[in-house]
Amino acid sequence: MPKVLGHEAIVHDLERLSREGRLSHGYLFFGPSMVGKRTVARAFAHFLEKGAFAAPTAEEVLQDEKIVVRGEGNTIGIDAVREAKNFLWQRPNASPRRTLIIDDAELLTIEAQNALLRITEEPPVSSLLVLITSDPERILGTIRSRLQGISFGTVPEAAIAAWIDATKKTDATTFARRALGKPGLAWRLAHDEAFAAELARAEKFLRTPRAARKEFVKKLIEPDDFSLRRFLEAVIITLAWEKPAKANAALWHKTLALYGALADFPLNPRLQLMNL
């Protein structure tokens, strides 16, 4: 059963609050992407239902856990929140709380956030709401004020290296160094071939001379499964690996701004990449 990597103080506090009967009705897990926020949330739901603070396996289904993720258009709409409300208002089957986890909560539409606000104002006694985000400022202040905030930082490189080494990867040190303190990124670097290919495309994009970039972008976006969000994630990571320089810093911030705008506007991939 997968254990939580790092965040020992957070795990300890959640266990203690649970045993003392002092849990809040809702929490906001915020911090950098891929540091383990979702893993901790799922491990906590597992702890409440099974008594062990460890993430459920792929085959394991918790009776009193529901996870809400982005839908079409990379948003979380009001229908998803309505389904979540129906879930929370049912009595728990095997746990003292029904745990609702909303991942990438910054992608909630305004209508969905307003519906969620009503849930946070009068939550069922047996409910537990966990919002996960890397950009808490995109969540309504009225919602944030009703949730207990928990800040997640990065995980030490040595801990990540030891974790990857346990999977028999010979270059665990390299993966850990490039993970930037993010266990999720380390895992993807070590195991996700599609992600590795996306990183290679991002690096080629950054290295392509201006004169050849138009043709490169044209071919890049041709596949039906091309995702501007996924590609920009790879560009941001690749830039983070570069040596600090004013030009790289400016491009990094510009790419971050473009990535954030994806949730608000329907953007043309070709025009946006050429503009970068």
Protein backbone atom coordinates (compact mmCIF):
# COMPACT_ATOMS: atom_id res chain seq x y z
CA MET A 1 0.00 0.00 0.00
CA PRO A 2 1.53 3.37 -1.06
CA LYS A 3 2.79 5.45 1.86
CA VAL A 4 2.80 9.22 2.02
CA LEU A 5 6.21 10.63 1.12
CA GLY A 6 7.11 13.59 3.31
CA HIS A 7 4.61 15.92 5.02
CA GLU A 8 5.01 14.05 8.33
CA ALA A 9 3.82 17.01 10.43
CA ILE A 10 0.62 17.36 8.38
CA VAL A 11 -0.09 13.64 8.63
CA HIS A 12 0.51 13.69 12.39
CA ASP A 13 -1.80 16.67 12.92
CA LEU A 14 -4.64 15.19 10.85
CA GLU A 15 -4.40 11.88 12.72
CA ARG A 16 -4.38 13.68 16.08
CA LEU A 17 -7.32 15.92 15.25
CA SER A 18 -9.30 12.92 14.05
CA ARG A 19 -8.66 10.91 17.20
CA GLU A 20 -9.53 13.91 19.37
CA GLY A 21 -12.75 14.56 17.45
CA ARG A 22 -11.62 18.05 16.46
CA LEU A 23 -11.60 17.83 12.68
CA SER A 24 -12.80 20.83 10.71
CA HIS A 25 -15.66 20.34 8.24
CA GLY A 26 -13.34 21.38 5.41
CA TYR A 27 -9.71 21.93 4.46
CA LEU A 28 -7.84 23.77 1.72
CA PHE A 29 -4.65 21.95 0.72
CA PHE A 30 -2.48 24.44 -1.17
CA GLY A 31 1.08 24.47 -2.45
CA PRO A 32 3.13 23.64 -5.55
CA SER A 33 1.81 21.05 -7.98
CA MET A 34 2.86 17.38 -7.63
CA VAL A 35 4.19 17.66 -4.06
CA GLY A 36 1.66 15.18 -2.65
CA LYS A 37 -1.49 17.17 -1.76
CA ARG A 38 -3.85 14.73 -3.44
CA THR A 39 -1.96 11.73 -2.03
CA VAL A 40 -2.34 13.07 1.51
CA ALA A 41 -6.04 13.79 0.94
CA ARG A 42 -6.70 10.26 -0.31
CA ALA A 43 -4.56 8.74 2.45
CA PHE A 44 -6.59 10.68 5.01
CA ALA A 45 -9.86 9.34 3.56
CA HIS A 46 -8.31 5.87 3.76
CA PHE A 47 -7.34 6.50 7.38
CA LEU A 48 -10.88 7.51 8.31
CA GLU A 49 -12.37 4.44 6.64
CA LYS A 50 -9.68 1.77 7.14
CA GLY A 51 -7.56 3.07 10.03
CA ALA A 52 -4.27 3.25 8.06
CA PHE A 53 -2.84 6.54 6.78
CA ALA A 54 -1.79 5.34 3.33
CA ALA A 55 -3.03 6.07 -0.17
CA PRO A 56 -5.53 3.50 -1.52
CA THR A 57 -4.21 1.14 -4.18
CA ALA A 58 -5.50 1.40 -7.75
CA GLU A 59 -7.78 -1.57 -7.13
CA GLU A 60 -9.11 -0.32 -3.78
CA VAL A 61 -12.38 1.61 -3.73
CA LEU A 62 -13.36 3.54 -0.62
CA GLN A 63 -17.06 3.60 0.14
CA ASP A 64 -17.05 7.08 1.64
CA GLU A 65 -14.68 8.92 -0.71
CA LYS A 66 -15.48 10.88 -3.85
CA ILE A 67 -12.94 12.68 -6.04
CA VAL A 68 -13.93 15.53 -8.35
CA VAL A 69 -11.54 16.34 -11.21
CA ARG A 70 -11.53 18.69 -14.19
CA GLY A 71 -13.99 17.93 -16.97
CA GLU A 72 -14.26 18.98 -20.58
CA GLY A 73 -12.73 22.35 -21.26
CA ASN A 74 -10.39 21.92 -18.28
CA THR A 75 -13.00 23.26 -15.85
CA ILE A 76 -15.09 21.92 -12.97
CA GLY A 77 -18.70 22.93 -13.52
CA ILE A 78 -21.81 23.28 -11.42
CA ASP A 79 -23.10 19.80 -12.31
CA ALA A 80 -20.05 18.27 -10.65
CA VAL A 81 -20.73 20.29 -7.49
CA ARG A 82 -24.39 19.20 -7.48
CA GLU A 83 -23.30 15.56 -7.65
CA ALA A 84 -20.83 16.25 -4.84
CA LYS A 85 -23.63 17.73 -2.71
CA ASN A 86 -25.73 14.58 -3.16
CA PHE A 87 -22.72 12.50 -2.10
CA LEU A 88 -22.07 14.56 1.04
CA TRP A 89 -25.71 14.50 2.18
CA GLN A 90 -25.77 10.70 2.34
CA ARG A 91 -24.90 8.90 5.55
CA PRO A 92 -21.39 7.34 5.73
CA ASN A 93 -21.18 3.58 5.23
CA ALA A 94 -17.84 2.66 6.79
CA SER A 95 -16.29 5.93 7.95
CA PRO A 96 -17.22 8.67 10.43
CA ARG A 97 -17.05 11.15 7.52
CA ARG A 98 -17.92 11.16 3.84
CA THR A 99 -14.82 12.71 2.25
CA LEU A 100 -15.18 14.83 -0.87
CA ILE A 101 -11.90 15.75 -2.60
CA ILE A 102 -11.89 18.43 -5.30
CA ASP A 103 -8.61 18.34 -7.19
CA ASP A 104 -7.41 21.38 -9.17
CA ALA A 105 -10.03 23.42 -7.32
CA GLU A 106 -8.82 26.59 -9.04
CA LEU A 107 -10.62 25.26 -12.15
CA LEU A 108 -14.05 25.54 -10.51
CA THR A 109 -16.25 27.89 -12.53
CA ILE A 110 -17.81 30.88 -10.75
CA GLU A 111 -21.20 29.15 -10.83
CA ALA A 112 -19.66 26.01 -9.33
CA GLN A 113 -17.87 28.03 -6.63
CA ASN A 114 -21.10 29.78 -5.65
CA ALA A 115 -22.82 26.40 -5.35
CA LEU A 116 -19.89 25.10 -3.30
CA LEU A 117 -20.08 28.15 -1.04
CA ARG A 118 -23.58 27.15 0.02
CA ILE A 119 -22.25 23.71 0.98
CA THR A 120 -19.49 25.22 3.12
CA GLU A 121 -22.00 27.50 4.86
CA GLU A 122 -24.15 24.60 6.10
CA PRO A 123 -22.11 21.39 5.75
CA PRO A 124 -23.55 18.05 6.92
CA VAL A 125 -22.11 16.95 10.26
CA SER A 126 -20.77 13.74 8.69
CA SER A 127 -19.04 15.48 5.77
CA LEU A 128 -15.40 16.34 5.10
CA LEU A 129 -14.49 18.63 2.21
CA VAL A 130 -10.92 18.85 0.91
CA LEU A 131 -10.07 21.37 -1.82
CA ILE A 132 -6.69 20.94 -3.51
CA THR A 133 -5.05 23.76 -5.41
CA SER A 134 -1.74 25.24 -6.48
CA ASP A 135 -3.37 28.67 -6.90
CA PRO A 136 -5.60 29.48 -3.89
CA GLU A 137 -6.16 33.08 -5.03
CA ARG A 138 -8.41 31.76 -7.81
CA ILE A 139 -10.84 30.41 -5.21
CA LEU A 140 -13.43 32.80 -3.78
CA GLY A 141 -12.34 34.40 -0.54
CA THR A 142 -15.70 33.52 1.01
CA ILE A 143 -14.93 29.84 0.42
CA ARG A 144 -11.33 30.10 1.65
CA SER A 145 -12.52 31.77 4.86
CA ARG A 146 -14.70 28.75 5.67
CA LEU A 147 -11.94 26.19 5.21
CA GLN A 148 -8.88 25.38 7.32
CA GLY A 149 -5.82 26.07 5.19
CA ILE A 150 -2.90 23.65 5.14
CA SER A 151 0.24 24.66 3.27
CA PHE A 152 2.29 21.97 1.51
CA GLY A 153 5.97 22.47 0.71
CA THR A 154 8.42 20.44 -1.34
CA VAL A 155 9.94 17.14 -0.20
CA PRO A 156 13.70 16.73 0.48
CA GLU A 157 15.68 15.40 -2.47
CA ALA A 158 17.19 12.57 -0.40
CA ALA A 159 13.75 11.25 0.53
CA ILE A 160 12.65 11.30 -3.10
CA ALA A 161 15.85 9.53 -4.21
CA ALA A 162 15.35 6.77 -1.63
CA TRP A 163 11.73 6.34 -2.72
CA ILE A 164 12.63 6.07 -6.41
CA ASP A 165 15.54 3.74 -5.63
CA ALA A 166 13.03 1.36 -4.04
CA THR A 167 11.49 0.93 -7.51
CA LYS A 168 14.88 -0.40 -8.75
CA LYS A 169 15.60 2.64 -10.94
CA THR A 170 19.39 2.92 -11.28
CA ASP A 171 19.41 6.70 -11.85
CA ALA A 172 17.28 7.59 -8.82
CA THR A 173 19.61 10.48 -7.87
CA THR A 174 19.13 12.14 -11.27
CA PHE A 175 15.34 11.78 -11.13
CA ALA A 176 15.27 13.16 -7.58
CA ARG A 177 17.41 16.17 -8.52
CA ARG A 178 15.21 16.99 -11.51
CA ALA A 179 12.01 16.52 -9.49
CA LEU A 180 12.42 19.93 -7.82
CA GLY A 181 11.15 18.54 -4.52
CA LYS A 182 7.98 17.11 -6.10
CA PRO A 183 7.39 13.34 -5.64
CA GLY A 184 4.70 13.39 -8.33
CA LEU A 185 7.14 14.83 -10.84
CA ALA A 186 9.78 12.28 -9.84
CA TRP A 187 7.35 9.43 -10.42
CA ARG A 188 6.38 10.76 -13.85
CA LEU A 189 10.02 11.22 -14.85
CA ALA A 190 10.78 7.65 -13.82
CA HIS A 191 7.69 5.87 -15.17
CA ASP A 192 5.66 7.98 -17.62
CA GLU A 193 6.97 7.60 -21.18
CA ALA A 194 4.31 9.92 -22.62
CA PHE A 195 5.38 12.62 -20.17
CA ALA A 196 9.03 12.13 -21.17
CA ALA A 197 8.05 12.60 -24.81
CA GLU A 198 6.18 15.80 -23.93
CA LEU A 199 9.27 17.13 -22.15
CA ALA A 200 11.36 16.35 -25.22
CA ARG A 201 8.94 18.32 -27.40
CA ALA A 202 9.02 21.21 -24.95
CA GLU A 203 12.83 21.31 -25.01
CA LYS A 204 12.85 21.20 -28.81
CA PHE A 205 10.31 24.03 -28.90
CA LEU A 206 12.55 26.18 -26.71
CA ARG A 207 15.63 25.37 -28.82
CA THR A 208 14.00 25.91 -32.23
CA PRO A 209 15.26 29.08 -33.97
CA ARG A 210 12.66 31.78 -34.56
CA ALA A 211 12.76 31.27 -38.35
CA ALA A 212 11.78 27.61 -38.00
CA ARG A 213 9.33 27.96 -35.14
CA LYS A 214 6.21 28.52 -37.24
CA GLU A 215 6.63 25.16 -39.00
CA PHE A 216 7.52 23.43 -35.73
CA VAL A 217 4.37 24.72 -33.99
CA LYS A 218 2.24 23.72 -36.97
CA LYS A 219 3.42 20.11 -36.72
CA LEU A 220 3.29 20.16 -32.91
CA ILE A 221 -0.43 20.92 -32.71
CA GLU A 222 -1.49 18.64 -35.60
CA PRO A 223 -2.34 15.53 -33.49
CA ASP A 224 -5.97 15.37 -32.36
CA ASP A 225 -4.88 14.64 -28.81
CA PHE A 226 -2.62 17.71 -28.52
CA SER A 227 -3.22 19.52 -25.23
CA LEU A 228 -1.97 23.07 -24.78
CA ARG A 229 -2.25 22.70 -21.00
CA ARG A 230 -0.14 19.54 -20.96
CA PHE A 231 2.46 21.06 -23.28
CA LEU A 232 2.75 24.26 -21.24
CA GLU A 233 3.26 22.17 -18.09
CA ALA A 234 6.22 20.55 -19.84
CA VAL A 235 7.59 23.94 -20.94
CA ILE A 236 7.35 25.31 -17.39
CA ILE A 237 9.21 22.31 -15.97
CA THR A 238 11.89 22.50 -18.66
CA LEU A 239 12.45 26.20 -17.98
CA ALA A 240 12.72 25.48 -14.25
CA TRP A 241 15.68 23.21 -14.99
CA GLU A 242 17.55 25.91 -16.88
CA LYS A 243 20.28 28.02 -15.30
CA PRO A 244 18.83 31.33 -14.01
CA ALA A 245 18.86 34.07 -16.60
CA LYS A 246 16.74 37.16 -17.15
CA ALA A 247 15.47 35.88 -20.51
CA ASN A 248 14.49 32.50 -19.06
CA ALA A 249 12.85 34.11 -16.04
CA ALA A 250 10.75 36.38 -18.26
CA LEU A 251 9.68 33.47 -20.46
CA TRP A 252 8.92 31.34 -17.39
CA HIS A 253 6.62 34.01 -15.94
CA LYS A 254 4.98 34.58 -19.31
CA THR A 255 4.33 30.86 -19.69
CA LEU A 256 2.88 30.67 -16.16
CA ALA A 257 0.51 33.53 -16.99
CA LEU A 258 -0.60 31.79 -20.18
CA TYR A 259 -1.11 28.53 -18.28
CA GLY A 260 -3.29 30.33 -15.74
CA ALA A 261 -5.36 31.95 -18.50
CA LEU A 262 -6.38 28.55 -19.89
CA ALA A 263 -9.05 28.26 -17.21
CA ASP A 264 -10.66 31.57 -18.22
CA PHE A 265 -10.41 31.82 -21.99
CA PRO A 266 -10.64 29.57 -25.09
CA LEU A 267 -7.15 30.11 -26.48
CA ASN A 268 -5.80 29.34 -29.94
CA PRO A 269 -2.77 27.03 -29.41
CA ARG A 270 -0.92 28.11 -32.57
CA LEU A 271 -1.21 31.84 -31.86
CA GLN A 272 -0.31 31.48 -28.21
CA LEU A 273 2.77 29.34 -28.85
CA MET A 274 3.99 31.64 -31.60
CA ASN A 275 3.53 34.57 -29.22
CA LEU A 276 5.71 32.83 -26.63
